[in-house]
Amino acid sequence: MDNEQPLFPDADSDLVGTRSGVPFALIWPPLVLTILFLDYLAGPIIHFPVTFLIPIGLATWLSGRRWGYSLAVLFALTRIFFYLSWEVERSELDLALNAGIRLVVFILFVYMLSWIRDHVLSLQREVRLLSGLLPICSYCKKIRDKEQHWQSLERYISDHSEASFSHGICPECLRQHFPEFAEQHLKKL
């Protein structure tokens, strides 16, 4: 499930990966090119694959897993082209194996980060459903929903969460409504 919606919809954003009106997708080319350029300058001996996780993680978190997977493949395969341009003596098997390992690590990173992102979004939706002011009748305790219908408190909470109810009677209500039974029952407790 690729949940392509803003992580913080109440923030200054209305598009996926948009902050302050600047689509995050417009930031990819310079960020990716900068990291690739620095990786190329570092040469064949020095590796900084962890720096690739920064744009991959940002892409996954802010724009969805498709962007993350795309950058994971790009970064994993680019190092092969660098080795070919450096004319370093490495076997094709070595290049393919290293690219494969990087690709697996990057894809697992995207998968785990997108799962965490989806989980955070789900939790935010649940919190949003049960937060804020709810119009409630001061007598019968029914809640008015968005369609202006009145529902029992139990029904509203059951419809908007995974909570379920079991009914009992508290000691105060037991004394008030069933005084003859209350004394016997409360002595047993």
N, C-alpha and C. Protein backbone atom coordinates (compact mmCIF):
# COMPACT_ATOMS: atom_id res chain seq x y z
N MET A 1 0.85 -1.17 0.00
CA MET A 1 0.00 0.00 0.00
C MET A 1 0.89 1.23 0.00
N ASP A 2 0.98 1.91 -1.13
CA ASP A 2 1.81 3.10 -1.22
C ASP A 2 0.94 4.30 -0.89
N ASN A 3 1.02 4.73 0.33
CA ASN A 3 0.18 5.81 0.82
C ASN A 3 0.76 7.14 0.38
N GLU A 4 0.24 7.70 -0.70
CA GLU A 4 0.79 8.91 -1.30
C GLU A 4 0.04 10.14 -0.82
N GLN A 5 0.13 10.43 0.47
CA GLN A 5 -0.48 11.64 1.00
C GLN A 5 0.49 12.29 1.95
N PRO A 6 0.31 13.58 2.22
CA PRO A 6 1.26 14.26 3.09
C PRO A 6 1.30 13.63 4.47
N LEU A 7 2.49 13.59 5.02
CA LEU A 7 2.63 13.03 6.36
C LEU A 7 2.02 13.94 7.40
N PHE A 8 2.17 15.22 7.22
CA PHE A 8 1.63 16.20 8.16
C PHE A 8 0.68 17.12 7.39
N PRO A 9 -0.57 16.67 7.13
CA PRO A 9 -1.46 17.44 6.27
C PRO A 9 -1.84 18.80 6.83
N ASP A 10 -1.77 18.97 8.14
CA ASP A 10 -2.12 20.26 8.71
C ASP A 10 -0.95 21.24 8.65
N ALA A 11 0.22 20.74 8.26
CA ALA A 11 1.38 21.61 8.15
C ALA A 11 1.23 22.49 6.92
N ASP A 12 2.29 23.12 6.55
CA ASP A 12 2.27 24.07 5.45
C ASP A 12 2.35 23.33 4.12
N SER A 13 1.54 22.30 3.93
CA SER A 13 1.65 21.51 2.71
C SER A 13 0.29 21.05 2.23
N ASP A 14 0.17 20.98 0.91
CA ASP A 14 -1.04 20.41 0.34
C ASP A 14 -0.70 19.35 -0.70
N LEU A 15 0.54 19.21 -1.06
CA LEU A 15 0.99 18.18 -1.98
C LEU A 15 1.91 17.22 -1.24
N VAL A 16 1.98 16.00 -1.74
CA VAL A 16 2.89 15.03 -1.13
C VAL A 16 4.31 15.56 -1.25
N GLY A 17 5.02 15.56 -0.15
CA GLY A 17 6.41 16.00 -0.18
C GLY A 17 6.57 17.48 -0.41
N THR A 18 5.57 18.27 -0.12
CA THR A 18 5.66 19.70 -0.31
C THR A 18 5.84 20.37 1.03
N ARG A 19 6.78 21.23 1.13
CA ARG A 19 6.97 22.03 2.33
C ARG A 19 7.08 23.47 1.89
N SER A 20 6.24 24.31 2.45
CA SER A 20 6.24 25.74 2.14
C SER A 20 6.07 26.00 0.65
N GLY A 21 5.28 25.18 -0.02
CA GLY A 21 4.96 25.41 -1.43
C GLY A 21 6.00 24.92 -2.41
N VAL A 22 7.11 24.30 -1.97
CA VAL A 22 8.14 23.80 -2.87
C VAL A 22 8.01 22.29 -2.95
N PRO A 23 7.61 21.75 -4.10
CA PRO A 23 7.51 20.29 -4.20
C PRO A 23 8.88 19.66 -3.98
N PHE A 24 8.91 18.67 -3.12
CA PHE A 24 10.18 18.02 -2.78
C PHE A 24 10.80 17.37 -4.00
N ALA A 25 9.98 16.97 -4.97
CA ALA A 25 10.50 16.34 -6.18
C ALA A 25 11.41 17.29 -6.95
N LEU A 26 11.25 18.60 -6.79
CA LEU A 26 12.13 19.55 -7.47
C LEU A 26 13.51 19.60 -6.82
N ILE A 27 13.62 19.10 -5.61
CA ILE A 27 14.90 19.10 -4.91
C ILE A 27 15.73 17.88 -5.29
N TRP A 28 15.09 16.82 -5.81
CA TRP A 28 15.82 15.59 -6.11
C TRP A 28 17.00 15.79 -7.05
N PRO A 29 16.80 16.39 -8.21
CA PRO A 29 17.94 16.45 -9.15
C PRO A 29 19.21 17.06 -8.54
N PRO A 30 19.15 18.25 -7.92
CA PRO A 30 20.41 18.78 -7.37
C PRO A 30 20.97 17.92 -6.23
N LEU A 31 20.11 17.40 -5.37
CA LEU A 31 20.58 16.58 -4.25
C LEU A 31 21.23 15.29 -4.75
N VAL A 32 20.57 14.62 -5.66
CA VAL A 32 21.09 13.36 -6.21
C VAL A 32 22.39 13.62 -6.98
N LEU A 33 22.40 14.65 -7.82
CA LEU A 33 23.60 14.95 -8.60
C LEU A 33 24.78 15.33 -7.69
N THR A 34 24.50 16.06 -6.63
CA THR A 34 25.57 16.44 -5.70
C THR A 34 26.17 15.20 -5.04
N ILE A 35 25.33 14.31 -4.57
CA ILE A 35 25.84 13.11 -3.91
C ILE A 35 26.58 12.21 -4.91
N LEU A 36 26.05 12.07 -6.12
CA LEU A 36 26.74 11.27 -7.12
C LEU A 36 28.08 11.89 -7.51
N PHE A 37 28.10 13.21 -7.63
CA PHE A 37 29.35 13.91 -7.98
C PHE A 37 30.40 13.71 -6.89
N LEU A 38 29.99 13.86 -5.64
CA LEU A 38 30.93 13.66 -4.53
C LEU A 38 31.41 12.21 -4.46
N ASP A 39 30.52 11.28 -4.76
CA ASP A 39 30.91 9.87 -4.78
C ASP A 39 31.92 9.62 -5.89
N TYR A 40 31.70 10.24 -7.04
CA TYR A 40 32.64 10.09 -8.16
C TYR A 40 34.00 10.68 -7.81
N LEU A 41 33.99 11.87 -7.18
CA LEU A 41 35.24 12.51 -6.80
C LEU A 41 36.01 11.70 -5.76
N ALA A 42 35.30 10.99 -4.90
CA ALA A 42 35.95 10.18 -3.87
C ALA A 42 36.77 9.05 -4.47
N GLY A 43 36.46 8.66 -5.68
CA GLY A 43 37.24 7.64 -6.36
C GLY A 43 36.80 6.23 -6.03
N PRO A 44 37.51 5.27 -6.60
CA PRO A 44 37.11 3.88 -6.45
C PRO A 44 37.43 3.26 -5.09
N ILE A 45 38.30 3.89 -4.32
CA ILE A 45 38.71 3.28 -3.06
C ILE A 45 37.82 3.70 -1.91
N ILE A 46 37.45 4.97 -1.86
CA ILE A 46 36.64 5.49 -0.75
C ILE A 46 35.16 5.35 -1.11
N HIS A 47 34.41 4.72 -0.20
CA HIS A 47 32.97 4.52 -0.42
C HIS A 47 32.19 5.22 0.68
N PHE A 48 31.11 5.87 0.29
CA PHE A 48 30.20 6.48 1.26
C PHE A 48 28.77 6.05 0.96
N PRO A 49 28.48 4.75 0.92
CA PRO A 49 27.12 4.33 0.56
C PRO A 49 26.07 4.79 1.56
N VAL A 50 26.50 5.07 2.80
CA VAL A 50 25.52 5.52 3.79
C VAL A 50 24.96 6.89 3.41
N THR A 51 25.74 7.71 2.69
CA THR A 51 25.21 9.01 2.27
C THR A 51 24.08 8.84 1.25
N PHE A 52 24.05 7.71 0.56
CA PHE A 52 22.95 7.47 -0.37
C PHE A 52 21.63 7.28 0.37
N LEU A 53 21.72 6.84 1.62
CA LEU A 53 20.50 6.62 2.40
C LEU A 53 19.77 7.93 2.70
N ILE A 54 20.48 9.04 2.70
CA ILE A 54 19.83 10.33 2.99
C ILE A 54 18.78 10.67 1.93
N PRO A 55 19.14 10.78 0.64
CA PRO A 55 18.09 11.08 -0.34
C PRO A 55 17.09 9.94 -0.51
N ILE A 56 17.55 8.70 -0.36
CA ILE A 56 16.61 7.57 -0.46
C ILE A 56 15.59 7.65 0.66
N GLY A 57 16.05 7.93 1.87
CA GLY A 57 15.14 8.05 3.01
C GLY A 57 14.20 9.24 2.88
N LEU A 58 14.73 10.38 2.46
CA LEU A 58 13.88 11.56 2.28
C LEU A 58 12.83 11.32 1.20
N ALA A 59 13.26 10.69 0.11
CA ALA A 59 12.31 10.40 -0.98
C ALA A 59 11.21 9.47 -0.50
N THR A 60 11.59 8.45 0.23
CA THR A 60 10.61 7.48 0.73
C THR A 60 9.65 8.14 1.70
N TRP A 61 10.17 8.90 2.64
CA TRP A 61 9.34 9.49 3.69
C TRP A 61 8.43 10.59 3.15
N LEU A 62 8.97 11.45 2.31
CA LEU A 62 8.20 12.62 1.88
C LEU A 62 7.42 12.42 0.59
N SER A 63 7.87 11.51 -0.28
CA SER A 63 7.19 11.36 -1.56
C SER A 63 6.71 9.95 -1.84
N GLY A 64 6.92 9.02 -0.94
CA GLY A 64 6.40 7.68 -1.14
C GLY A 64 7.46 6.70 -1.58
N ARG A 65 7.11 5.43 -1.49
CA ARG A 65 8.10 4.38 -1.74
C ARG A 65 8.53 4.28 -3.19
N ARG A 66 7.69 4.70 -4.14
CA ARG A 66 8.12 4.63 -5.54
C ARG A 66 9.38 5.47 -5.78
N TRP A 67 9.40 6.68 -5.21
CA TRP A 67 10.60 7.53 -5.32
C TRP A 67 11.77 6.85 -4.63
N GLY A 68 11.53 6.28 -3.47
CA GLY A 68 12.61 5.62 -2.74
C GLY A 68 13.20 4.45 -3.52
N TYR A 69 12.33 3.61 -4.10
CA TYR A 69 12.82 2.48 -4.89
C TYR A 69 13.58 2.97 -6.12
N SER A 70 13.09 4.02 -6.75
CA SER A 70 13.77 4.56 -7.94
C SER A 70 15.18 5.02 -7.59
N LEU A 71 15.31 5.76 -6.50
CA LEU A 71 16.64 6.22 -6.11
C LEU A 71 17.52 5.06 -5.64
N ALA A 72 16.93 4.06 -5.02
CA ALA A 72 17.71 2.89 -4.59
C ALA A 72 18.35 2.20 -5.79
N VAL A 73 17.58 2.02 -6.84
CA VAL A 73 18.12 1.39 -8.05
C VAL A 73 19.17 2.29 -8.69
N LEU A 74 18.87 3.58 -8.79
CA LEU A 74 19.82 4.53 -9.39
C LEU A 74 21.16 4.51 -8.67
N PHE A 75 21.14 4.62 -7.35
CA PHE A 75 22.39 4.67 -6.60
C PHE A 75 23.13 3.34 -6.63
N ALA A 76 22.41 2.24 -6.62
CA ALA A 76 23.08 0.94 -6.65
C ALA A 76 23.78 0.70 -7.99
N LEU A 77 23.15 1.12 -9.07
CA LEU A 77 23.74 0.87 -10.39
C LEU A 77 24.77 1.90 -10.81
N THR A 78 24.68 3.11 -10.28
CA THR A 78 25.59 4.17 -10.68
C THR A 78 27.05 3.83 -10.36
N ARG A 79 27.28 3.18 -9.25
CA ARG A 79 28.66 2.84 -8.86
C ARG A 79 29.31 1.93 -9.90
N ILE A 80 28.54 1.08 -10.56
CA ILE A 80 29.09 0.23 -11.63
C ILE A 80 29.62 1.11 -12.75
N PHE A 81 28.84 2.10 -13.15
CA PHE A 81 29.27 2.99 -14.23
C PHE A 81 30.51 3.79 -13.82
N PHE A 82 30.58 4.17 -12.56
CA PHE A 82 31.76 4.88 -12.07
C PHE A 82 33.00 4.00 -12.20
N TYR A 83 32.89 2.74 -11.78
CA TYR A 83 34.04 1.85 -11.88
C TYR A 83 34.49 1.67 -13.32
N LEU A 84 33.53 1.58 -14.22
CA LEU A 84 33.88 1.44 -15.64
C LEU A 84 34.58 2.70 -16.14
N SER A 85 34.15 3.88 -15.69
CA SER A 85 34.79 5.12 -16.14
C SER A 85 36.15 5.34 -15.47
N TRP A 86 36.36 4.78 -14.28
CA TRP A 86 37.64 4.90 -13.60
C TRP A 86 38.67 3.92 -14.16
N GLU A 87 38.21 2.99 -14.94
CA GLU A 87 39.05 1.96 -15.53
C GLU A 87 39.86 1.22 -14.47
N VAL A 88 39.17 0.87 -13.40
CA VAL A 88 39.78 0.10 -12.32
C VAL A 88 39.62 -1.37 -12.65
N GLU A 89 40.66 -2.12 -12.37
CA GLU A 89 40.61 -3.55 -12.65
C GLU A 89 39.80 -4.26 -11.58
N ARG A 90 38.57 -4.53 -11.89
CA ARG A 90 37.71 -5.32 -11.01
C ARG A 90 36.92 -6.25 -11.90
N SER A 91 36.66 -7.40 -11.40
CA SER A 91 35.92 -8.37 -12.21
C SER A 91 34.45 -7.93 -12.31
N GLU A 92 33.84 -8.35 -13.37
CA GLU A 92 32.42 -8.03 -13.57
C GLU A 92 31.57 -8.66 -12.48
N LEU A 93 31.98 -9.84 -12.04
CA LEU A 93 31.26 -10.51 -10.96
C LEU A 93 31.34 -9.69 -9.68
N ASP A 94 32.52 -9.15 -9.38
CA ASP A 94 32.71 -8.31 -8.20
C ASP A 94 31.83 -7.06 -8.27
N LEU A 95 31.81 -6.42 -9.43
CA LEU A 95 30.97 -5.22 -9.60
C LEU A 95 29.50 -5.57 -9.44
N ALA A 96 29.06 -6.65 -10.07
CA ALA A 96 27.66 -7.04 -10.00
C ALA A 96 27.27 -7.45 -8.58
N LEU A 97 28.16 -8.17 -7.91
CA LEU A 97 27.87 -8.60 -6.54
C LEU A 97 27.75 -7.40 -5.60
N ASN A 98 28.68 -6.46 -5.70
CA ASN A 98 28.60 -5.27 -4.85
C ASN A 98 27.36 -4.43 -5.16
N ALA A 99 27.03 -4.29 -6.43
CA ALA A 99 25.82 -3.54 -6.79
C ALA A 99 24.58 -4.26 -6.27
N GLY A 100 24.58 -5.58 -6.36
CA GLY A 100 23.44 -6.36 -5.85
C GLY A 100 23.27 -6.21 -4.35
N ILE A 101 24.39 -6.25 -3.62
CA ILE A 101 24.32 -6.08 -2.16
C ILE A 101 23.79 -4.69 -1.82
N ARG A 102 24.34 -3.67 -2.48
CA ARG A 102 23.85 -2.30 -2.24
C ARG A 102 22.36 -2.19 -2.55
N LEU A 103 21.95 -2.78 -3.67
CA LEU A 103 20.54 -2.71 -4.06
C LEU A 103 19.64 -3.37 -3.02
N VAL A 104 20.03 -4.54 -2.54
CA VAL A 104 19.23 -5.23 -1.52
C VAL A 104 19.14 -4.39 -0.25
N VAL A 105 20.26 -3.83 0.19
CA VAL A 105 20.25 -3.00 1.40
C VAL A 105 19.37 -1.77 1.20
N PHE A 106 19.51 -1.10 0.06
CA PHE A 106 18.71 0.10 -0.19
C PHE A 106 17.22 -0.24 -0.28
N ILE A 107 16.88 -1.34 -0.94
CA ILE A 107 15.47 -1.72 -1.07
C ILE A 107 14.88 -2.10 0.29
N LEU A 108 15.64 -2.83 1.09
CA LEU A 108 15.16 -3.14 2.45
C LEU A 108 14.97 -1.87 3.27
N PHE A 109 15.87 -0.92 3.11
CA PHE A 109 15.74 0.36 3.81
C PHE A 109 14.46 1.08 3.38
N VAL A 110 14.20 1.12 2.08
CA VAL A 110 12.97 1.76 1.58
C VAL A 110 11.74 1.03 2.11
N TYR A 111 11.76 -0.29 2.08
CA TYR A 111 10.62 -1.06 2.55
C TYR A 111 10.34 -0.78 4.02
N MET A 112 11.38 -0.85 4.85
CA MET A 112 11.19 -0.62 6.29
C MET A 112 10.75 0.81 6.58
N LEU A 113 11.37 1.78 5.91
CA LEU A 113 11.01 3.17 6.15
C LEU A 113 9.59 3.47 5.68
N SER A 114 9.18 2.89 4.55
CA SER A 114 7.82 3.13 4.08
C SER A 114 6.80 2.45 4.99
N TRP A 115 7.16 1.29 5.56
CA TRP A 115 6.27 0.64 6.52
C TRP A 115 6.12 1.52 7.76
N ILE A 116 7.21 2.06 8.25
CA ILE A 116 7.15 2.96 9.41
C ILE A 116 6.32 4.19 9.08
N ARG A 117 6.52 4.75 7.90
CA ARG A 117 5.76 5.93 7.46
C ARG A 117 4.26 5.63 7.42
N ASP A 118 3.90 4.50 6.82
CA ASP A 118 2.48 4.12 6.75
C ASP A 118 1.90 3.92 8.14
N HIS A 119 2.68 3.33 9.03
CA HIS A 119 2.23 3.10 10.40
C HIS A 119 2.03 4.44 11.12
N VAL A 120 2.95 5.36 10.95
CA VAL A 120 2.82 6.69 11.57
C VAL A 120 1.58 7.41 11.02
N LEU A 121 1.36 7.33 9.71
CA LEU A 121 0.17 7.95 9.12
C LEU A 121 -1.10 7.34 9.70
N SER A 122 -1.12 6.03 9.84
CA SER A 122 -2.28 5.36 10.41
C SER A 122 -2.53 5.82 11.84
N LEU A 123 -1.48 5.90 12.62
CA LEU A 123 -1.63 6.38 14.00
C LEU A 123 -2.09 7.82 14.05
N GLN A 124 -1.59 8.65 13.14
CA GLN A 124 -2.03 10.05 13.10
C GLN A 124 -3.52 10.14 12.78
N ARG A 125 -3.98 9.31 11.84
CA ARG A 125 -5.40 9.32 11.51
C ARG A 125 -6.24 8.91 12.70
N GLU A 126 -5.81 7.89 13.43
CA GLU A 126 -6.55 7.44 14.61
C GLU A 126 -6.59 8.52 15.68
N VAL A 127 -5.47 9.17 15.91
CA VAL A 127 -5.43 10.23 16.92
C VAL A 127 -6.33 11.38 16.49
N ARG A 128 -6.29 11.72 15.21
CA ARG A 128 -7.10 12.82 14.72
C ARG A 128 -8.59 12.52 14.88
N LEU A 129 -8.98 11.24 14.69
CA LEU A 129 -10.38 10.87 14.83
C LEU A 129 -10.88 11.07 16.26
N LEU A 130 -10.02 10.80 17.22
CA LEU A 130 -10.46 10.85 18.61
C LEU A 130 -9.94 12.08 19.34
N SER A 131 -9.50 13.08 18.62
CA SER A 131 -9.03 14.29 19.28
C SER A 131 -9.93 15.46 18.90
N GLY A 132 -9.74 16.55 19.56
CA GLY A 132 -10.54 17.73 19.29
C GLY A 132 -11.79 17.74 20.15
N LEU A 133 -12.59 18.74 19.93
CA LEU A 133 -13.84 18.88 20.69
C LEU A 133 -14.96 18.11 20.00
N LEU A 134 -15.66 17.31 20.76
CA LEU A 134 -16.81 16.57 20.25
C LEU A 134 -18.07 17.17 20.86
N PRO A 135 -19.05 17.51 20.03
CA PRO A 135 -20.32 17.98 20.59
C PRO A 135 -21.05 16.82 21.27
N ILE A 136 -21.29 16.95 22.55
CA ILE A 136 -21.91 15.87 23.32
C ILE A 136 -23.08 16.45 24.12
N CYS A 137 -24.18 15.71 24.15
CA CYS A 137 -25.36 16.14 24.91
C CYS A 137 -25.04 16.06 26.40
N SER A 138 -25.34 17.11 27.12
CA SER A 138 -25.02 17.13 28.55
C SER A 138 -25.96 16.25 29.37
N TYR A 139 -27.06 15.79 28.77
CA TYR A 139 -27.99 14.93 29.51
C TYR A 139 -27.81 13.45 29.17
N CYS A 140 -27.97 13.12 27.89
CA CYS A 140 -27.93 11.70 27.52
C CYS A 140 -26.55 11.23 27.06
N LYS A 141 -25.62 12.15 26.90
CA LYS A 141 -24.23 11.85 26.51
C LYS A 141 -24.09 11.31 25.09
N LYS A 142 -25.06 11.60 24.22
CA LYS A 142 -24.91 11.23 22.82
C LYS A 142 -23.98 12.24 22.15
N ILE A 143 -23.29 11.78 21.10
CA ILE A 143 -22.34 12.61 20.39
C ILE A 143 -22.89 12.93 19.00
N ARG A 144 -22.73 14.20 18.59
CA ARG A 144 -23.17 14.61 17.25
C ARG A 144 -22.00 14.40 16.29
N ASP A 145 -22.25 13.64 15.20
CA ASP A 145 -21.19 13.35 14.24
C ASP A 145 -21.13 14.42 13.16
N LYS A 146 -20.29 14.20 12.15
CA LYS A 146 -20.11 15.19 11.08
C LYS A 146 -21.38 15.41 10.27
N GLU A 147 -22.22 14.38 10.19
CA GLU A 147 -23.48 14.49 9.44
C GLU A 147 -24.61 15.06 10.30
N GLN A 148 -24.27 15.55 11.47
CA GLN A 148 -25.21 16.16 12.41
C GLN A 148 -26.21 15.17 13.00
N HIS A 149 -25.86 13.88 12.99
CA HIS A 149 -26.69 12.86 13.62
C HIS A 149 -26.16 12.58 15.02
N TRP A 150 -27.09 12.31 15.93
CA TRP A 150 -26.70 12.01 17.31
C TRP A 150 -26.55 10.51 17.48
N GLN A 151 -25.41 10.10 18.03
CA GLN A 151 -25.13 8.68 18.26
C GLN A 151 -24.76 8.48 19.72
N SER A 152 -25.00 7.28 20.19
CA SER A 152 -24.57 6.98 21.56
C SER A 152 -23.05 7.04 21.63
N LEU A 153 -22.56 7.34 22.79
CA LEU A 153 -21.11 7.43 23.01
C LEU A 153 -20.43 6.12 22.61
N GLU A 154 -21.03 5.00 23.00
CA GLU A 154 -20.45 3.70 22.69
C GLU A 154 -20.37 3.47 21.18
N ARG A 155 -21.44 3.81 20.49
CA ARG A 155 -21.47 3.60 19.04
C ARG A 155 -20.44 4.48 18.35
N TYR A 156 -20.36 5.74 18.75
CA TYR A 156 -19.42 6.67 18.12
C TYR A 156 -17.99 6.18 18.29
N ILE A 157 -17.62 5.82 19.50
CA ILE A 157 -16.25 5.37 19.75
C ILE A 157 -15.98 4.05 19.04
N SER A 158 -16.94 3.14 19.03
CA SER A 158 -16.75 1.87 18.32
C SER A 158 -16.60 2.09 16.82
N ASP A 159 -17.35 3.04 16.25
CA ASP A 159 -17.26 3.33 14.82
C ASP A 159 -15.94 4.00 14.44
N HIS A 160 -15.35 4.75 15.36
CA HIS A 160 -14.17 5.53 15.05
C HIS A 160 -12.88 4.99 15.66
N SER A 161 -12.93 3.82 16.23
CA SER A 161 -11.73 3.20 16.79
C SER A 161 -11.95 1.70 16.85
N GLU A 162 -10.98 1.01 17.37
CA GLU A 162 -11.11 -0.44 17.51
C GLU A 162 -11.60 -0.81 18.91
N ALA A 163 -12.02 0.17 19.67
CA ALA A 163 -12.49 -0.08 21.03
C ALA A 163 -13.86 -0.75 21.01
N SER A 164 -14.09 -1.60 21.98
CA SER A 164 -15.42 -2.18 22.17
C SER A 164 -15.77 -2.00 23.64
N PHE A 165 -17.02 -2.17 23.97
CA PHE A 165 -17.49 -1.88 25.32
C PHE A 165 -18.11 -3.10 25.97
N SER A 166 -17.90 -3.19 27.25
CA SER A 166 -18.66 -4.12 28.08
C SER A 166 -19.31 -3.23 29.14
N HIS A 167 -20.50 -3.55 29.53
CA HIS A 167 -21.21 -2.67 30.45
C HIS A 167 -21.24 -3.25 31.85
N GLY A 168 -21.14 -2.39 32.78
CA GLY A 168 -21.21 -2.73 34.19
C GLY A 168 -21.86 -1.55 34.90
N ILE A 169 -21.75 -1.54 36.21
CA ILE A 169 -22.32 -0.43 36.96
C ILE A 169 -21.32 -0.05 38.05
N CYS A 170 -21.06 1.23 38.16
CA CYS A 170 -20.10 1.68 39.16
C CYS A 170 -20.76 1.69 40.54
N PRO A 171 -19.97 1.68 41.62
CA PRO A 171 -20.53 1.65 42.97
C PRO A 171 -21.48 2.82 43.27
N GLU A 172 -21.18 4.01 42.78
CA GLU A 172 -22.05 5.17 43.03
C GLU A 172 -23.42 4.98 42.39
N CYS A 173 -23.43 4.55 41.13
CA CYS A 173 -24.72 4.33 40.45
C CYS A 173 -25.46 3.14 41.06
N LEU A 174 -24.74 2.15 41.51
CA LEU A 174 -25.36 1.01 42.18
C LEU A 174 -26.08 1.47 43.44
N ARG A 175 -25.43 2.33 44.23
CA ARG A 175 -26.06 2.86 45.44
C ARG A 175 -27.26 3.73 45.11
N GLN A 176 -27.15 4.54 44.06
CA GLN A 176 -28.22 5.48 43.72
C GLN A 176 -29.44 4.76 43.14
N HIS A 177 -29.22 3.80 42.25
CA HIS A 177 -30.33 3.18 41.53
C HIS A 177 -30.80 1.85 42.16
N PHE A 178 -29.95 1.18 42.87
CA PHE A 178 -30.30 -0.11 43.49
C PHE A 178 -29.78 -0.15 44.93
N PRO A 179 -30.29 0.73 45.80
CA PRO A 179 -29.73 0.83 47.16
C PRO A 179 -29.86 -0.47 47.96
N GLU A 180 -30.96 -1.21 47.77
CA GLU A 180 -31.14 -2.44 48.55
C GLU A 180 -30.14 -3.52 48.14
N PHE A 181 -29.78 -3.56 46.90
CA PHE A 181 -28.81 -4.54 46.40
C PHE A 181 -27.38 -4.07 46.64
N ALA A 182 -27.17 -2.77 46.64
CA ALA A 182 -25.82 -2.20 46.74
C ALA A 182 -25.12 -2.59 48.03
N GLU A 183 -25.83 -2.51 49.14
CA GLU A 183 -25.19 -2.81 50.42
C GLU A 183 -24.69 -4.25 50.47
N GLN A 184 -25.52 -5.19 50.00
CA GLN A 184 -25.11 -6.60 50.01
C GLN A 184 -23.92 -6.83 49.08
N HIS A 185 -24.02 -6.26 47.90
CA HIS A 185 -22.98 -6.49 46.89
C HIS A 185 -21.65 -5.83 47.29
N LEU A 186 -21.71 -4.62 47.79
CA LEU A 186 -20.49 -3.90 48.12
C LEU A 186 -19.79 -4.48 49.35
N LYS A 187 -20.55 -5.13 50.24
CA LYS A 187 -19.93 -5.78 51.40
C LYS A 187 -19.08 -6.97 50.96
N LYS A 188 -19.49 -7.64 49.87
CA LYS A 188 -18.75 -8.79 49.36
C LYS A 188 -17.41 -8.36 48.76
N LEU A 189 -17.36 -7.15 48.25
CA LEU A 189 -16.12 -6.67 47.63
C LEU A 189 -15.19 -6.22 48.70
